[in-house]
Amino acid sequence: QAQIEAAQKKAAEEAAEVERQRAADEAEYSRQLAEEERMEQEEQAADESEPVVEFEGYLGMFRGVLKNLKKRWCMLHAGTFMWFKGKQEFIHAGWLTKIGGGTATMGRKSWKRRWMELRGGELVYMASQSEEAEVLGKVDVAAATHISLDEGMKKDFCMKIVTPKRTYYMYADTQDEINEWVDILNTVRGKAPEEIAKMVELARVNPRHAQGTIEVDDILSV
């Protein structure tokens, strides 16, 4: 009888050990599945947030009726070949007319048309769109406390950017343009540097900023 009880006890212990091992194996398998799913989600998120550029650089392009050779910044991204007037280092760019900090000869503040580029968290302005143009000033958009449309300056399509040091007034050529500027500037205002860096990376491959695009699938020969 004692031998039978010992055998039964041993069998029960072995069965319990087998069950513990099975449970441990299932837990490990579940953990591995969860880890693989997490890594896939991270890879997918990285693919969505960090656009891969297959090619970028300057190329000469024949443009216009006279077929003049023009230097253009070119990119190949997601099956689209794009060319730009210059290297893409900004989130948004365009012409705005801003009121200066100084005064004109008659004692009034002067309005001057400037080429604006939102480079990261700063809005820089130049006298021309040329890549060699000197930066005349910068507005710290990331540190701005308020950005909105403005009617106080009695200018159509006007906005104001309020910073701790100064309030800037600028106007665009159309209502749609100034609305877009206000929306984009507000997406940058108050953001951390790493968030702004992602915005720049996405903007640099935006076909909307390109002078022209060609779908790679439409190219017959090279």
Protein backbone atom coordinates (compact mmCIF):
# COMPACT_ATOMS: atom_id res chain seq x y z
CA GLN A 1 0.00 0.00 0.00
CA ALA A 2 2.82 2.40 0.86
CA GLN A 3 4.42 1.77 -2.52
CA ILE A 4 1.15 2.48 -4.30
CA GLU A 5 0.68 5.76 -2.42
CA ALA A 6 4.27 6.79 -3.15
CA ALA A 7 3.77 6.03 -6.86
CA GLN A 8 0.53 8.02 -6.91
CA LYS A 9 2.20 10.96 -5.15
CA LYS A 10 5.09 10.89 -7.61
CA ALA A 11 2.70 10.74 -10.55
CA ALA A 12 0.74 13.70 -9.15
CA GLU A 13 3.94 15.72 -8.70
CA GLU A 14 5.04 14.91 -12.23
CA ALA A 15 1.65 15.90 -13.58
CA ALA A 16 1.79 19.18 -11.64
CA GLU A 17 5.28 19.85 -12.98
CA VAL A 18 4.09 19.17 -16.52
CA GLU A 19 1.19 21.58 -15.99
CA ARG A 20 3.52 24.26 -14.57
CA GLN A 21 5.84 23.85 -17.55
CA ARG A 22 2.93 24.06 -19.99
CA ALA A 23 1.68 27.25 -18.33
CA ALA A 24 5.19 28.73 -18.41
CA ASP A 25 5.56 27.86 -22.11
CA GLU A 26 2.21 29.48 -22.92
CA ALA A 27 3.16 32.61 -20.98
CA GLU A 28 6.50 32.83 -22.81
CA TYR A 29 4.78 32.34 -26.17
CA SER A 30 2.27 35.10 -25.36
CA ARG A 31 5.10 37.38 -24.27
CA GLN A 32 6.97 36.78 -27.53
CA LEU A 33 3.83 37.48 -29.57
CA ALA A 34 3.24 40.72 -27.67
CA GLU A 35 6.87 41.78 -28.15
CA GLU A 36 6.72 41.07 -31.90
CA GLU A 37 3.48 43.05 -32.19
CA ARG A 38 5.01 45.96 -30.26
CA MET A 39 8.08 46.00 -32.52
CA GLU A 40 5.89 45.91 -35.64
CA GLN A 41 3.86 48.87 -34.34
CA GLU A 42 7.05 50.82 -33.57
CA GLU A 43 8.43 50.09 -37.05
CA GLN A 44 5.17 51.16 -38.64
CA ALA A 45 5.10 54.36 -36.59
CA ALA A 46 8.71 55.09 -37.57
CA ASP A 47 7.88 54.53 -41.24
CA GLU A 48 4.98 56.97 -40.97
CA SER A 49 6.84 59.68 -39.02
CA GLU A 50 10.25 59.48 -40.73
CA PRO A 51 9.87 59.68 -44.51
CA VAL A 52 12.57 57.86 -46.44
CA VAL A 53 14.11 59.91 -49.24
CA GLU A 54 15.59 57.68 -51.95
CA PHE A 55 17.48 60.59 -53.57
CA GLU A 56 18.05 64.29 -52.95
CA GLY A 57 20.42 66.81 -54.48
CA TYR A 58 20.86 69.51 -57.09
CA LEU A 59 20.24 68.74 -60.75
CA GLY A 60 20.28 70.94 -63.85
CA MET A 61 16.91 71.18 -65.59
CA PHE A 62 16.06 72.72 -68.95
CA ARG A 63 13.08 75.01 -68.39
CA GLY A 64 10.97 77.50 -70.33
CA VAL A 65 10.60 78.35 -74.00
CA LEU A 66 14.31 79.12 -74.36
CA LYS A 67 15.23 75.87 -72.61
CA ASN A 68 17.52 77.64 -70.17
CA LEU A 69 19.42 75.38 -67.79
CA LYS A 70 18.20 75.95 -64.21
CA LYS A 71 19.62 74.48 -61.01
CA ARG A 72 16.89 72.81 -58.96
CA TRP A 73 16.84 70.86 -55.71
CA CYS A 74 15.40 67.44 -56.53
CA MET A 75 14.00 64.62 -54.39
CA LEU A 76 12.71 61.12 -55.01
CA HIS A 77 10.27 60.05 -52.31
CA ALA A 78 7.51 57.42 -52.20
CA GLY A 79 7.48 56.99 -55.97
CA THR A 80 7.32 60.71 -56.74
CA PHE A 81 10.16 62.75 -58.27
CA MET A 82 9.92 66.39 -57.12
CA TRP A 83 11.92 69.51 -57.86
CA PHE A 84 12.12 72.72 -55.88
CA LYS A 85 13.68 76.14 -56.42
CA GLY A 86 16.01 75.57 -53.48
CA LYS A 87 16.89 73.13 -50.74
CA GLN A 88 13.95 72.32 -48.48
CA GLU A 89 14.87 73.30 -44.93
CA PHE A 90 11.58 74.79 -43.76
CA ILE A 91 8.06 73.82 -42.73
CA HIS A 92 6.37 76.56 -44.76
CA ALA A 93 7.44 79.50 -46.89
CA GLY A 94 5.98 82.40 -48.86
CA TRP A 95 5.74 86.14 -49.30
CA LEU A 96 4.37 88.32 -46.49
CA THR A 97 4.46 92.06 -45.92
CA LYS A 98 5.54 93.02 -42.42
CA ILE A 99 5.73 96.27 -40.55
CA GLY A 100 9.27 97.21 -39.55
CA GLY A 101 10.56 98.01 -36.14
CA GLY A 102 12.02 101.32 -37.33
CA THR A 103 10.38 104.32 -38.96
CA ALA A 104 10.38 105.87 -42.39
CA THR A 105 11.54 109.41 -43.18
CA MET A 106 8.10 110.85 -42.41
CA GLY A 107 8.07 109.30 -38.94
CA ARG A 108 5.79 106.38 -39.80
CA LYS A 109 6.56 102.69 -39.50
CA SER A 110 7.14 101.22 -42.94
CA TRP A 111 5.65 98.06 -44.46
CA LYS A 112 8.03 95.91 -46.48
CA ARG A 113 7.45 92.76 -48.50
CA ARG A 114 9.63 89.89 -47.28
CA TRP A 115 10.24 86.27 -48.19
CA MET A 116 9.38 84.21 -45.11
CA GLU A 117 10.59 80.73 -44.18
CA LEU A 118 9.46 78.84 -41.10
CA ARG A 119 12.72 77.10 -40.23
CA GLY A 120 11.97 74.89 -37.29
CA GLY A 121 10.66 77.06 -34.50
CA GLU A 122 11.82 80.34 -36.08
CA LEU A 123 10.23 82.43 -38.80
CA VAL A 124 13.11 84.03 -40.70
CA TYR A 125 12.68 86.76 -43.33
CA MET A 126 14.76 87.95 -46.26
CA ALA A 127 14.48 90.58 -48.97
CA SER A 128 14.38 87.92 -51.72
CA GLN A 129 13.75 84.22 -52.30
CA SER A 130 17.35 83.60 -53.34
CA GLU A 131 19.26 80.96 -51.38
CA GLU A 132 22.07 83.52 -50.99
CA ALA A 133 19.72 86.15 -49.54
CA GLU A 134 20.78 87.59 -46.19
CA VAL A 135 18.54 86.82 -43.21
CA LEU A 136 17.22 90.19 -42.04
CA GLY A 137 15.52 88.99 -38.89
CA LYS A 138 13.92 86.13 -36.98
CA VAL A 139 10.69 85.63 -35.05
CA ASP A 140 10.73 83.03 -32.26
CA VAL A 141 7.44 81.34 -33.14
CA ALA A 142 7.95 78.42 -30.74
CA ALA A 143 8.07 80.88 -27.83
CA ALA A 144 5.15 83.02 -29.06
CA THR A 145 2.30 83.50 -26.62
CA HIS A 146 -0.40 84.29 -29.19
CA ILE A 147 -0.84 84.06 -32.99
CA SER A 148 -4.08 85.09 -34.69
CA LEU A 149 -5.72 87.11 -37.44
CA ASP A 150 -5.69 90.84 -36.73
CA GLU A 151 -7.83 93.80 -37.78
CA GLY A 152 -6.20 96.43 -35.59
CA MET A 153 -3.66 97.50 -38.22
CA LYS A 154 -6.46 98.13 -40.75
CA LYS A 155 -4.81 95.88 -43.32
CA ASP A 156 -6.59 93.14 -45.21
CA PHE A 157 -5.42 89.56 -44.60
CA CYS A 158 -3.33 90.57 -41.58
CA MET A 159 -2.07 88.54 -38.60
CA LYS A 160 -0.18 89.23 -35.42
CA ILE A 161 2.48 87.18 -33.64
CA VAL A 162 2.87 88.06 -29.97
CA THR A 163 6.22 87.11 -28.41
CA PRO A 164 7.66 88.00 -25.00
CA LYS A 165 9.87 90.66 -26.66
CA ARG A 166 7.68 92.11 -29.39
CA THR A 167 4.43 91.90 -31.34
CA TYR A 168 4.84 91.39 -35.11
CA TYR A 169 2.23 92.34 -37.73
CA MET A 170 2.24 90.83 -41.23
CA TYR A 171 -0.25 90.52 -44.06
CA ALA A 172 -0.59 88.22 -47.06
CA ASP A 173 -2.02 88.66 -50.55
CA THR A 174 -5.18 86.59 -49.92
CA GLN A 175 -7.35 85.40 -47.05
CA ASP A 176 -6.52 81.75 -47.76
CA GLU A 177 -2.79 82.47 -47.51
CA ILE A 178 -3.01 84.26 -44.18
CA ASN A 179 -5.33 81.56 -42.77
CA GLU A 180 -2.78 78.92 -43.74
CA TRP A 181 0.05 80.88 -42.13
CA VAL A 182 -1.87 81.28 -38.86
CA ASP A 183 -2.76 77.58 -38.76
CA ILE A 184 0.79 76.40 -39.47
CA LEU A 185 2.45 78.84 -37.08
CA ASN A 186 0.11 77.71 -34.31
CA THR A 187 1.09 74.08 -34.87
CA VAL A 188 4.68 75.10 -34.05
CA ARG A 189 3.94 77.47 -31.17
CA GLY A 190 4.78 75.92 -27.81
CA LYS A 191 6.10 72.66 -29.29
CA ALA A 192 9.25 70.86 -28.10
CA PRO A 193 12.32 70.80 -30.41
CA GLU A 194 11.92 67.10 -31.20
CA GLU A 195 8.29 67.64 -32.27
CA ILE A 196 9.30 70.53 -34.51
CA ALA A 197 12.10 68.44 -36.02
CA LYS A 198 9.53 65.83 -37.12
CA MET A 199 7.43 68.59 -38.73
CA VAL A 200 10.46 69.78 -40.71
CA GLU A 201 11.23 66.23 -41.88
CA LEU A 202 7.67 65.73 -43.11
CA ALA A 203 7.46 69.16 -44.75
CA ARG A 204 10.65 68.75 -46.77
CA VAL A 205 9.02 65.97 -48.83
CA ASN A 206 5.65 67.69 -49.24
CA PRO A 207 4.74 67.83 -52.99
CA ARG A 208 2.75 71.02 -52.34
CA HIS A 209 6.01 72.92 -51.94
CA ALA A 210 7.44 71.59 -55.21
CA GLN A 211 7.63 73.50 -58.50
CA GLY A 212 6.80 70.26 -60.26
CA THR A 213 6.39 66.53 -59.76
CA ILE A 214 6.55 63.36 -61.85
CA GLU A 215 5.24 59.96 -60.80
CA VAL A 216 7.96 57.37 -61.33
CA ASP A 217 5.42 54.93 -62.77
CA ASP A 218 4.68 57.46 -65.55
CA ILE A 219 8.32 57.66 -66.70
CA LEU A 220 8.81 55.79 -69.97
CA SER A 221 12.61 55.95 -70.16
CA VAL A 222 15.65 57.63 -68.62
